Amino acid sequence: MKFEKYYVANNEGKSNCVIRSFCKTYNEKYDDVYNELCSIAKELNCNSFNDIEVFETYMKRRKTNSIDYGKDFKLKDLNLDDGKYLVFCWDKKDFYHMVSIIDNVLYDKNNDSLDLYVISIYKEKTLIKN
């Protein structure tokens, strides 16, 4: 898997990994993603736009669903088919993170995430043309 630096922030220079990953995967603007996540959080009575239920609802609305891959893999050990993926991962302590992987290129602010462990993998569903 290759790594490419990707960073996007709001007008105040603040950035969040979930929003950043969605911006890259879905080619959307930071503030638009943030506002929709906040709206979903309110709709679902969640405390934060970072709640799993909130970001999974956002992804499902974009035909992106979790896939089975196995357990205890590091990001750097993933072998994914081409396509668009979002990977929720952690350091097995208290740091949680989300990244975008598109056609086997990991997009993130730095490559430290390669050593994180995968919690969930989500794949954007592509339409099959006959």
C-alpha atoms as a PDB file:
ATOM      1  CA  MET A   1       0.000   0.000   0.000  1.00  0.00           C
ATOM      2  CA  LYS A   2       1.259   3.470  -0.864  1.00  0.00           C
ATOM      3  CA  PHE A   3       0.920   6.553   1.320  1.00  0.00           C
ATOM      4  CA  GLU A   4      -0.017  10.032   0.150  1.00  0.00           C
ATOM      5  CA  LYS A   5      -0.207  13.011   2.476  1.00  0.00           C
ATOM      6  CA  TYR A   6      -3.706  14.472   2.620  1.00  0.00           C
ATOM      7  CA  TYR A   7      -4.877  17.214   4.932  1.00  0.00           C
ATOM      8  CA  VAL A   8      -7.983  19.368   4.845  1.00  0.00           C
ATOM      9  CA  ALA A   9      -9.356  21.633   7.566  1.00  0.00           C
ATOM     10  CA  ASN A  10     -12.169  24.032   8.291  1.00  0.00           C
ATOM     11  CA  ASN A  11     -11.832  27.814   7.945  1.00  0.00           C
ATOM     12  CA  GLU A  12     -10.280  28.010  11.425  1.00  0.00           C
ATOM     13  CA  GLY A  13      -7.600  25.419  10.592  1.00  0.00           C
ATOM     14  CA  LYS A  14      -9.171  22.652  12.688  1.00  0.00           C
ATOM     15  CA  SER A  15      -9.256  19.154  11.262  1.00  0.00           C
ATOM     16  CA  ASN A  16     -10.899  15.891  12.298  1.00  0.00           C
ATOM     17  CA  CYS A  17      -9.926  12.485  10.899  1.00  0.00           C
ATOM     18  CA  VAL A  18     -13.511  11.320  10.255  1.00  0.00           C
ATOM     19  CA  ILE A  19     -14.407  14.482   8.350  1.00  0.00           C
ATOM     20  CA  ARG A  20     -11.069  14.512   6.533  1.00  0.00           C
ATOM     21  CA  SER A  21     -11.527  10.882   5.416  1.00  0.00           C
ATOM     22  CA  PHE A  22     -15.069  11.554   4.204  1.00  0.00           C
ATOM     23  CA  CYS A  23     -13.921  14.641   2.290  1.00  0.00           C
ATOM     24  CA  LYS A  24     -11.343  12.564   0.421  1.00  0.00           C
ATOM     25  CA  THR A  25     -13.533   9.521  -0.188  1.00  0.00           C
ATOM     26  CA  TYR A  26     -16.672  11.366  -1.263  1.00  0.00           C
ATOM     27  CA  ASN A  27     -15.011  14.492  -2.716  1.00  0.00           C
ATOM     28  CA  GLU A  28     -16.967  16.799  -0.422  1.00  0.00           C
ATOM     29  CA  LYS A  29     -16.136  20.043   1.385  1.00  0.00           C
ATOM     30  CA  TYR A  30     -15.109  20.014   5.036  1.00  0.00           C
ATOM     31  CA  ASP A  31     -17.893  22.263   6.325  1.00  0.00           C
ATOM     32  CA  ASP A  32     -20.543  20.342   4.361  1.00  0.00           C
ATOM     33  CA  VAL A  33     -19.447  17.033   5.894  1.00  0.00           C
ATOM     34  CA  TYR A  34     -19.253  18.568   9.379  1.00  0.00           C
ATOM     35  CA  ASN A  35     -22.725  20.089   9.116  1.00  0.00           C
ATOM     36  CA  GLU A  36     -24.304  16.858   7.893  1.00  0.00           C
ATOM     37  CA  LEU A  37     -22.625  14.806  10.628  1.00  0.00           C
ATOM     38  CA  CYS A  38     -23.891  17.263  13.259  1.00  0.00           C
ATOM     39  CA  SER A  39     -27.374  17.018  11.779  1.00  0.00           C
ATOM     40  CA  ILE A  40     -27.268  13.210  11.912  1.00  0.00           C
ATOM     41  CA  ALA A  41     -26.015  13.336  15.517  1.00  0.00           C
ATOM     42  CA  LYS A  42     -28.980  15.514  16.456  1.00  0.00           C
ATOM     43  CA  GLU A  43     -31.396  13.276  14.531  1.00  0.00           C
ATOM     44  CA  LEU A  44     -30.072  10.175  16.346  1.00  0.00           C
ATOM     45  CA  ASN A  45     -29.790  11.906  19.749  1.00  0.00           C
ATOM     46  CA  CYS A  46     -26.046  11.241  19.890  1.00  0.00           C
ATOM     47  CA  ASN A  47     -23.559  13.311  21.862  1.00  0.00           C
ATOM     48  CA  SER A  48     -21.064  13.845  19.055  1.00  0.00           C
ATOM     49  CA  PHE A  49     -20.673  13.700  15.297  1.00  0.00           C
ATOM     50  CA  ASN A  50     -17.784  11.307  16.027  1.00  0.00           C
ATOM     51  CA  ASP A  51     -20.074   8.638  17.481  1.00  0.00           C
ATOM     52  CA  ILE A  52     -19.885   5.390  15.533  1.00  0.00           C
ATOM     53  CA  GLU A  53     -23.647   5.351  14.920  1.00  0.00           C
ATOM     54  CA  VAL A  54     -23.397   8.829  13.380  1.00  0.00           C
ATOM     55  CA  PHE A  55     -20.540   8.212  10.980  1.00  0.00           C
ATOM     56  CA  GLU A  56     -21.921   4.795   9.998  1.00  0.00           C
ATOM     57  CA  THR A  57     -25.278   6.428   9.166  1.00  0.00           C
ATOM     58  CA  TYR A  58     -23.451   9.011   7.045  1.00  0.00           C
ATOM     59  CA  MET A  59     -21.626   6.228   5.174  1.00  0.00           C
ATOM     60  CA  LYS A  60     -24.753   4.095   4.658  1.00  0.00           C
ATOM     61  CA  ARG A  61     -26.458   7.072   3.037  1.00  0.00           C
ATOM     62  CA  ARG A  62     -23.596   6.999   0.535  1.00  0.00           C
ATOM     63  CA  LYS A  63     -23.859   3.258  -0.077  1.00  0.00           C
ATOM     64  CA  THR A  64     -20.758   2.492   1.974  1.00  0.00           C
ATOM     65  CA  ASN A  65     -21.036  -0.534   4.242  1.00  0.00           C
ATOM     66  CA  SER A  66     -18.770  -2.564   6.494  1.00  0.00           C
ATOM     67  CA  ILE A  67     -17.037  -5.604   5.066  1.00  0.00           C
ATOM     68  CA  ASP A  68     -15.585  -8.672   6.772  1.00  0.00           C
ATOM     69  CA  TYR A  69     -11.819  -8.769   6.665  1.00  0.00           C
ATOM     70  CA  GLY A  70     -10.639 -10.575   9.756  1.00  0.00           C
ATOM     71  CA  LYS A  71      -9.165  -9.466  13.047  1.00  0.00           C
ATOM     72  CA  ASP A  72      -5.941  -8.058  14.427  1.00  0.00           C
ATOM     73  CA  PHE A  73      -4.511  -6.588  11.222  1.00  0.00           C
ATOM     74  CA  LYS A  74      -2.413  -3.457  11.053  1.00  0.00           C
ATOM     75  CA  LEU A  75      -3.237  -0.960   8.337  1.00  0.00           C
ATOM     76  CA  LYS A  76       0.116  -1.599   6.660  1.00  0.00           C
ATOM     77  CA  ASP A  77      -0.775  -5.311   6.337  1.00  0.00           C
ATOM     78  CA  LEU A  78      -4.085  -4.776   4.518  1.00  0.00           C
ATOM     79  CA  ASN A  79      -4.367  -6.130   1.013  1.00  0.00           C
ATOM     80  CA  LEU A  80      -7.491  -4.530  -0.444  1.00  0.00           C
ATOM     81  CA  ASP A  81      -8.886  -4.686  -3.952  1.00  0.00           C
ATOM     82  CA  ASP A  82      -9.078  -1.437  -5.877  1.00  0.00           C
ATOM     83  CA  GLY A  83     -11.928   0.793  -4.783  1.00  0.00           C
ATOM     84  CA  LYS A  84     -12.773   3.287  -2.059  1.00  0.00           C
ATOM     85  CA  TYR A  85     -12.469   2.244   1.572  1.00  0.00           C
ATOM     86  CA  LEU A  86     -12.755   3.934   4.941  1.00  0.00           C
ATOM     87  CA  VAL A  87     -10.893   2.245   7.773  1.00  0.00           C
ATOM     88  CA  PHE A  88     -11.631   2.835  11.446  1.00  0.00           C
ATOM     89  CA  CYS A  89      -8.561   1.889  13.483  1.00  0.00           C
ATOM     90  CA  TRP A  90      -6.825   2.305  16.849  1.00  0.00           C
ATOM     91  CA  ASP A  91      -3.575   1.848  18.757  1.00  0.00           C
ATOM     92  CA  LYS A  92      -5.098  -0.762  21.146  1.00  0.00           C
ATOM     93  CA  LYS A  93      -5.057   1.853  23.896  1.00  0.00           C
ATOM     94  CA  ASP A  94      -7.118   5.029  23.691  1.00  0.00           C
ATOM     95  CA  PHE A  95      -6.361   6.541  20.274  1.00  0.00           C
ATOM     96  CA  TYR A  96      -8.977   6.008  17.553  1.00  0.00           C
ATOM     97  CA  HIS A  97      -8.553   7.147  13.967  1.00  0.00           C
ATOM     98  CA  MET A  98     -10.170   6.973  10.530  1.00  0.00           C
ATOM     99  CA  VAL A  99      -8.418   6.959   7.170  1.00  0.00           C
ATOM    100  CA  SER A 100      -9.369   6.857   3.529  1.00  0.00           C
ATOM    101  CA  ILE A 101      -7.837   4.251   1.211  1.00  0.00           C
ATOM    102  CA  ILE A 102      -8.504   4.655  -2.502  1.00  0.00           C
ATOM    103  CA  ASP A 103      -7.070   2.155  -4.982  1.00  0.00           C
ATOM    104  CA  ASN A 104      -4.513   0.998  -2.401  1.00  0.00           C
ATOM    105  CA  VAL A 105      -3.300   4.506  -1.569  1.00  0.00           C
ATOM    106  CA  LEU A 106      -3.667   5.540   2.071  1.00  0.00           C
ATOM    107  CA  TYR A 107      -4.585   9.215   2.406  1.00  0.00           C
ATOM    108  CA  ASP A 108      -3.817  10.746   5.800  1.00  0.00           C
ATOM    109  CA  LYS A 109      -1.973  13.632   7.425  1.00  0.00           C
ATOM    110  CA  ASN A 110       1.053  11.400   8.146  1.00  0.00           C
ATOM    111  CA  ASN A 111       2.062   7.777   7.742  1.00  0.00           C
ATOM    112  CA  ASP A 112       2.005   6.960  11.493  1.00  0.00           C
ATOM    113  CA  SER A 113      -1.438   5.473  10.941  1.00  0.00           C
ATOM    114  CA  LEU A 114       0.111   2.510   9.100  1.00  0.00           C
ATOM    115  CA  ASP A 115       0.936   0.967  12.491  1.00  0.00           C
ATOM    116  CA  LEU A 116      -2.627   1.236  13.815  1.00  0.00           C
ATOM    117  CA  TYR A 117      -4.874  -1.820  14.157  1.00  0.00           C
ATOM    118  CA  VAL A 118      -8.015  -2.180  12.064  1.00  0.00           C
ATOM    119  CA  ILE A 119     -11.370  -2.124  13.866  1.00  0.00           C
ATOM    120  CA  SER A 120     -13.717  -1.863  10.854  1.00  0.00           C
ATOM    121  CA  ILE A 121     -13.390  -1.568   7.109  1.00  0.00           C
ATOM    122  CA  TYR A 122     -16.106   0.094   5.036  1.00  0.00           C
ATOM    123  CA  LYS A 123     -16.291  -0.136   1.249  1.00  0.00           C
ATOM    124  CA  GLU A 124     -18.111   2.168  -1.084  1.00  0.00           C
ATOM    125  CA  LYS A 125     -20.435   0.120  -3.262  1.00  0.00           C
ATOM    126  CA  THR A 126     -19.844   0.615  -6.948  1.00  0.00           C
ATOM    127  CA  LEU A 127     -22.470   0.028  -9.564  1.00  0.00           C
ATOM    128  CA  ILE A 128     -21.837  -2.894 -11.876  1.00  0.00           C
ATOM    129  CA  LYS A 129     -22.452  -2.054 -15.524  1.00  0.00           C
ATOM    130  CA  ASN A 130     -23.852  -4.757 -17.783  1.00  0.00           C
END
